[in-house]
Amino acid sequence: MDEFLVYYDDQCEVCQAGVSWLRFLDRRHRVRSIELSSALLPGGLVLEDCLRELHVVTPAQTLVGWDAVARLARLFGWTWLIGAIGAVPP
């Protein structure tokens, strides 16, 4: 089972609320939320970019912005349909 590393701005109230929802939905503990203020970013991630948009790192890929949100939504039964529809290109 892949682990999803979610890098978020712990100074942002919207980001904090999003992480709270992730923790509520993540019954199988597949998501690990990492505060940017205390994170050592893996190679390829830039702090300024991470502060601007959500970044999710898996063993296979790094997802940014809406792609990251849609992928996380597909992890959970309650939000799976939103993630599936959101993954379809316009």
N, C-alpha and C. Protein backbone atom coordinates (compact mmCIF):
# COMPACT_ATOMS: atom_id res chain seq x y z
N MET A 1 0.85 -1.18 0.00
CA MET A 1 0.00 0.00 0.00
C MET A 1 0.89 1.24 0.00
N ASP A 2 0.66 2.14 -0.95
CA ASP A 2 1.45 3.36 -1.05
C ASP A 2 1.09 4.34 0.04
N GLU A 3 2.11 5.09 0.48
CA GLU A 3 1.88 6.17 1.42
C GLU A 3 1.89 7.48 0.64
N PHE A 4 0.96 8.36 0.98
CA PHE A 4 0.85 9.66 0.33
C PHE A 4 1.35 10.72 1.31
N LEU A 5 2.43 11.40 0.93
CA LEU A 5 3.00 12.47 1.75
C LEU A 5 2.41 13.79 1.28
N VAL A 6 1.69 14.46 2.17
CA VAL A 6 1.02 15.72 1.84
C VAL A 6 1.78 16.85 2.53
N TYR A 7 2.39 17.70 1.73
CA TYR A 7 3.13 18.85 2.26
C TYR A 7 2.18 20.04 2.29
N TYR A 8 1.99 20.62 3.48
CA TYR A 8 1.03 21.72 3.61
C TYR A 8 1.60 22.86 4.45
N ASP A 9 1.04 24.04 4.20
CA ASP A 9 1.44 25.26 4.90
C ASP A 9 0.71 25.29 6.24
N ASP A 10 1.42 25.01 7.32
CA ASP A 10 0.80 24.95 8.63
C ASP A 10 0.46 26.34 9.19
N GLN A 11 0.79 27.40 8.46
CA GLN A 11 0.40 28.76 8.85
C GLN A 11 -0.89 29.20 8.16
N CYS A 12 -1.38 28.39 7.24
CA CYS A 12 -2.57 28.71 6.44
C CYS A 12 -3.79 28.01 7.04
N GLU A 13 -4.83 28.77 7.38
CA GLU A 13 -6.02 28.19 7.99
C GLU A 13 -6.77 27.28 7.02
N VAL A 14 -6.77 27.60 5.74
CA VAL A 14 -7.43 26.75 4.74
C VAL A 14 -6.69 25.41 4.65
N CYS A 15 -5.37 25.46 4.64
CA CYS A 15 -4.57 24.23 4.59
C CYS A 15 -4.79 23.39 5.84
N GLN A 16 -4.85 24.02 6.99
CA GLN A 16 -5.08 23.31 8.25
C GLN A 16 -6.44 22.62 8.23
N ALA A 17 -7.45 23.29 7.70
CA ALA A 17 -8.78 22.70 7.61
C ALA A 17 -8.77 21.50 6.66
N GLY A 18 -8.07 21.63 5.54
CA GLY A 18 -7.96 20.53 4.59
C GLY A 18 -7.31 19.31 5.21
N VAL A 19 -6.25 19.53 5.97
CA VAL A 19 -5.56 18.43 6.63
C VAL A 19 -6.46 17.79 7.69
N SER A 20 -7.25 18.59 8.37
CA SER A 20 -8.20 18.04 9.34
C SER A 20 -9.18 17.09 8.67
N TRP A 21 -9.68 17.47 7.49
CA TRP A 21 -10.58 16.60 6.73
C TRP A 21 -9.86 15.33 6.30
N LEU A 22 -8.62 15.46 5.85
CA LEU A 22 -7.86 14.27 5.46
C LEU A 22 -7.73 13.30 6.63
N ARG A 23 -7.42 13.82 7.79
CA ARG A 23 -7.27 12.96 8.97
C ARG A 23 -8.58 12.28 9.33
N PHE A 24 -9.68 12.98 9.16
CA PHE A 24 -11.00 12.42 9.44
C PHE A 24 -11.32 11.29 8.46
N LEU A 25 -11.03 11.51 7.18
CA LEU A 25 -11.37 10.54 6.14
C LEU A 25 -10.43 9.34 6.08
N ASP A 26 -9.20 9.52 6.50
CA ASP A 26 -8.14 8.52 6.31
C ASP A 26 -8.16 7.46 7.40
N ARG A 27 -9.10 6.56 7.34
CA ARG A 27 -9.24 5.49 8.33
C ARG A 27 -8.14 4.43 8.22
N ARG A 28 -7.55 4.30 7.03
CA ARG A 28 -6.51 3.28 6.82
C ARG A 28 -5.10 3.85 6.94
N HIS A 29 -4.99 5.11 7.32
CA HIS A 29 -3.70 5.76 7.56
C HIS A 29 -2.76 5.68 6.36
N ARG A 30 -3.28 6.07 5.21
CA ARG A 30 -2.48 6.07 3.98
C ARG A 30 -1.85 7.43 3.72
N VAL A 31 -2.31 8.46 4.42
CA VAL A 31 -1.83 9.83 4.18
C VAL A 31 -1.03 10.30 5.39
N ARG A 32 0.13 10.87 5.10
CA ARG A 32 0.93 11.48 6.17
C ARG A 32 1.08 12.96 5.84
N SER A 33 0.54 13.80 6.71
CA SER A 33 0.59 15.25 6.52
C SER A 33 1.87 15.79 7.13
N ILE A 34 2.58 16.61 6.35
CA ILE A 34 3.87 17.14 6.79
C ILE A 34 3.82 18.66 6.74
N GLU A 35 4.07 19.28 7.87
CA GLU A 35 4.08 20.74 7.97
C GLU A 35 5.30 21.29 7.25
N LEU A 36 5.08 22.27 6.40
CA LEU A 36 6.21 22.86 5.67
C LEU A 36 7.19 23.57 6.58
N SER A 37 6.73 24.09 7.70
CA SER A 37 7.63 24.82 8.59
C SER A 37 8.68 23.91 9.23
N SER A 38 8.39 22.61 9.27
CA SER A 38 9.35 21.71 9.91
C SER A 38 9.88 20.64 8.94
N ALA A 39 9.57 20.78 7.67
CA ALA A 39 9.89 19.73 6.71
C ALA A 39 11.25 19.93 6.04
N LEU A 40 11.92 18.83 5.84
CA LEU A 40 13.04 18.79 4.91
C LEU A 40 12.45 18.29 3.61
N LEU A 41 12.38 19.15 2.61
CA LEU A 41 11.72 18.79 1.36
C LEU A 41 12.57 17.82 0.56
N PRO A 42 11.90 16.83 -0.03
CA PRO A 42 12.65 15.91 -0.89
C PRO A 42 13.13 16.64 -2.14
N GLY A 43 14.11 16.07 -2.80
CA GLY A 43 14.64 16.66 -4.03
C GLY A 43 13.55 16.95 -5.04
N GLY A 44 13.65 18.08 -5.68
CA GLY A 44 12.67 18.45 -6.70
C GLY A 44 11.57 19.35 -6.19
N LEU A 45 11.34 19.40 -4.88
CA LEU A 45 10.30 20.29 -4.35
C LEU A 45 10.94 21.61 -3.91
N VAL A 46 10.24 22.69 -4.23
CA VAL A 46 10.71 24.03 -3.88
C VAL A 46 9.71 24.62 -2.88
N LEU A 47 10.21 25.16 -1.78
CA LEU A 47 9.35 25.67 -0.71
C LEU A 47 8.31 26.65 -1.23
N GLU A 48 8.71 27.60 -2.04
CA GLU A 48 7.79 28.62 -2.55
C GLU A 48 6.65 27.99 -3.35
N ASP A 49 6.97 26.96 -4.13
CA ASP A 49 5.93 26.26 -4.90
C ASP A 49 4.98 25.51 -3.96
N CYS A 50 5.54 24.89 -2.93
CA CYS A 50 4.72 24.15 -1.98
C CYS A 50 3.80 25.07 -1.18
N LEU A 51 4.25 26.30 -0.93
CA LEU A 51 3.41 27.27 -0.23
C LEU A 51 2.27 27.76 -1.12
N ARG A 52 2.46 27.70 -2.41
CA ARG A 52 1.48 28.20 -3.38
C ARG A 52 0.41 27.15 -3.71
N GLU A 53 0.83 25.88 -3.81
CA GLU A 53 -0.08 24.82 -4.21
C GLU A 53 0.20 23.55 -3.41
N LEU A 54 -0.85 22.74 -3.25
CA LEU A 54 -0.71 21.46 -2.58
C LEU A 54 0.23 20.56 -3.36
N HIS A 55 1.13 19.88 -2.65
CA HIS A 55 2.03 18.90 -3.25
C HIS A 55 1.86 17.57 -2.51
N VAL A 56 1.65 16.51 -3.28
CA VAL A 56 1.52 15.17 -2.72
C VAL A 56 2.58 14.30 -3.39
N VAL A 57 3.38 13.64 -2.57
CA VAL A 57 4.46 12.79 -3.07
C VAL A 57 4.13 11.34 -2.75
N THR A 58 4.19 10.49 -3.77
CA THR A 58 4.04 9.04 -3.61
C THR A 58 5.34 8.41 -4.08
N PRO A 59 5.52 7.12 -3.87
CA PRO A 59 6.73 6.48 -4.37
C PRO A 59 6.87 6.59 -5.89
N ALA A 60 5.76 6.73 -6.60
CA ALA A 60 5.79 6.73 -8.05
C ALA A 60 5.78 8.12 -8.68
N GLN A 61 5.24 9.13 -7.98
CA GLN A 61 5.07 10.43 -8.62
C GLN A 61 4.87 11.55 -7.61
N THR A 62 4.98 12.78 -8.11
CA THR A 62 4.64 13.96 -7.33
C THR A 62 3.47 14.63 -8.03
N LEU A 63 2.41 14.88 -7.28
CA LEU A 63 1.21 15.52 -7.82
C LEU A 63 1.08 16.91 -7.23
N VAL A 64 0.58 17.84 -8.04
CA VAL A 64 0.51 19.24 -7.64
C VAL A 64 -0.89 19.77 -7.92
N GLY A 65 -1.38 20.65 -7.02
CA GLY A 65 -2.63 21.36 -7.25
C GLY A 65 -3.83 20.43 -7.33
N TRP A 66 -4.68 20.68 -8.36
CA TRP A 66 -5.91 19.91 -8.50
C TRP A 66 -5.63 18.42 -8.70
N ASP A 67 -4.58 18.08 -9.42
CA ASP A 67 -4.25 16.67 -9.62
C ASP A 67 -4.01 15.98 -8.27
N ALA A 68 -3.38 16.69 -7.35
CA ALA A 68 -3.14 16.15 -6.01
C ALA A 68 -4.44 15.98 -5.24
N VAL A 69 -5.31 16.98 -5.33
CA VAL A 69 -6.60 16.92 -4.64
C VAL A 69 -7.44 15.77 -5.18
N ALA A 70 -7.52 15.64 -6.50
CA ALA A 70 -8.32 14.58 -7.11
C ALA A 70 -7.79 13.20 -6.72
N ARG A 71 -6.48 13.04 -6.68
CA ARG A 71 -5.90 11.74 -6.31
C ARG A 71 -6.19 11.40 -4.86
N LEU A 72 -6.06 12.38 -3.97
CA LEU A 72 -6.38 12.13 -2.57
C LEU A 72 -7.85 11.78 -2.40
N ALA A 73 -8.73 12.46 -3.14
CA ALA A 73 -10.17 12.19 -3.04
C ALA A 73 -10.49 10.75 -3.42
N ARG A 74 -9.75 10.18 -4.36
CA ARG A 74 -10.01 8.80 -4.78
C ARG A 74 -9.59 7.76 -3.73
N LEU A 75 -8.92 8.19 -2.68
CA LEU A 75 -8.53 7.26 -1.63
C LEU A 75 -9.68 6.87 -0.70
N PHE A 76 -10.70 7.69 -0.65
CA PHE A 76 -11.74 7.53 0.38
C PHE A 76 -13.11 7.31 -0.25
N GLY A 77 -13.87 6.41 0.34
CA GLY A 77 -15.20 6.08 -0.19
C GLY A 77 -16.12 7.28 -0.31
N TRP A 78 -16.10 8.16 0.67
CA TRP A 78 -17.02 9.30 0.66
C TRP A 78 -16.69 10.31 -0.43
N THR A 79 -15.44 10.36 -0.86
CA THR A 79 -15.04 11.38 -1.84
C THR A 79 -14.55 10.78 -3.15
N TRP A 80 -14.64 9.46 -3.28
CA TRP A 80 -14.10 8.78 -4.46
C TRP A 80 -14.68 9.32 -5.76
N LEU A 81 -15.99 9.50 -5.83
CA LEU A 81 -16.62 9.96 -7.06
C LEU A 81 -16.12 11.35 -7.48
N ILE A 82 -15.95 12.23 -6.52
CA ILE A 82 -15.42 13.57 -6.82
C ILE A 82 -14.03 13.45 -7.43
N GLY A 83 -13.20 12.60 -6.84
CA GLY A 83 -11.84 12.40 -7.34
C GLY A 83 -11.82 11.77 -8.73
N ALA A 84 -12.73 10.83 -8.96
CA ALA A 84 -12.80 10.18 -10.28
C ALA A 84 -13.22 11.17 -11.36
N ILE A 85 -14.22 11.95 -11.08
CA ILE A 85 -14.67 12.97 -12.05
C ILE A 85 -13.60 14.04 -12.21
N GLY A 86 -12.96 14.43 -11.13
CA GLY A 86 -11.92 15.45 -11.19
C GLY A 86 -10.67 15.02 -11.92
N ALA A 87 -10.47 13.71 -12.06
CA ALA A 87 -9.29 13.21 -12.76
C ALA A 87 -9.46 13.20 -14.28
N VAL A 88 -10.69 13.39 -14.75
CA VAL A 88 -10.95 13.39 -16.18
C VAL A 88 -10.59 14.76 -16.74
N PRO A 89 -9.72 14.81 -17.76
CA PRO A 89 -9.36 16.11 -18.34
C PRO A 89 -10.58 16.79 -18.97
N PRO A 90 -10.61 18.12 -18.91
CA PRO A 90 -11.76 18.83 -19.48
C PRO A 90 -11.86 18.68 -20.99
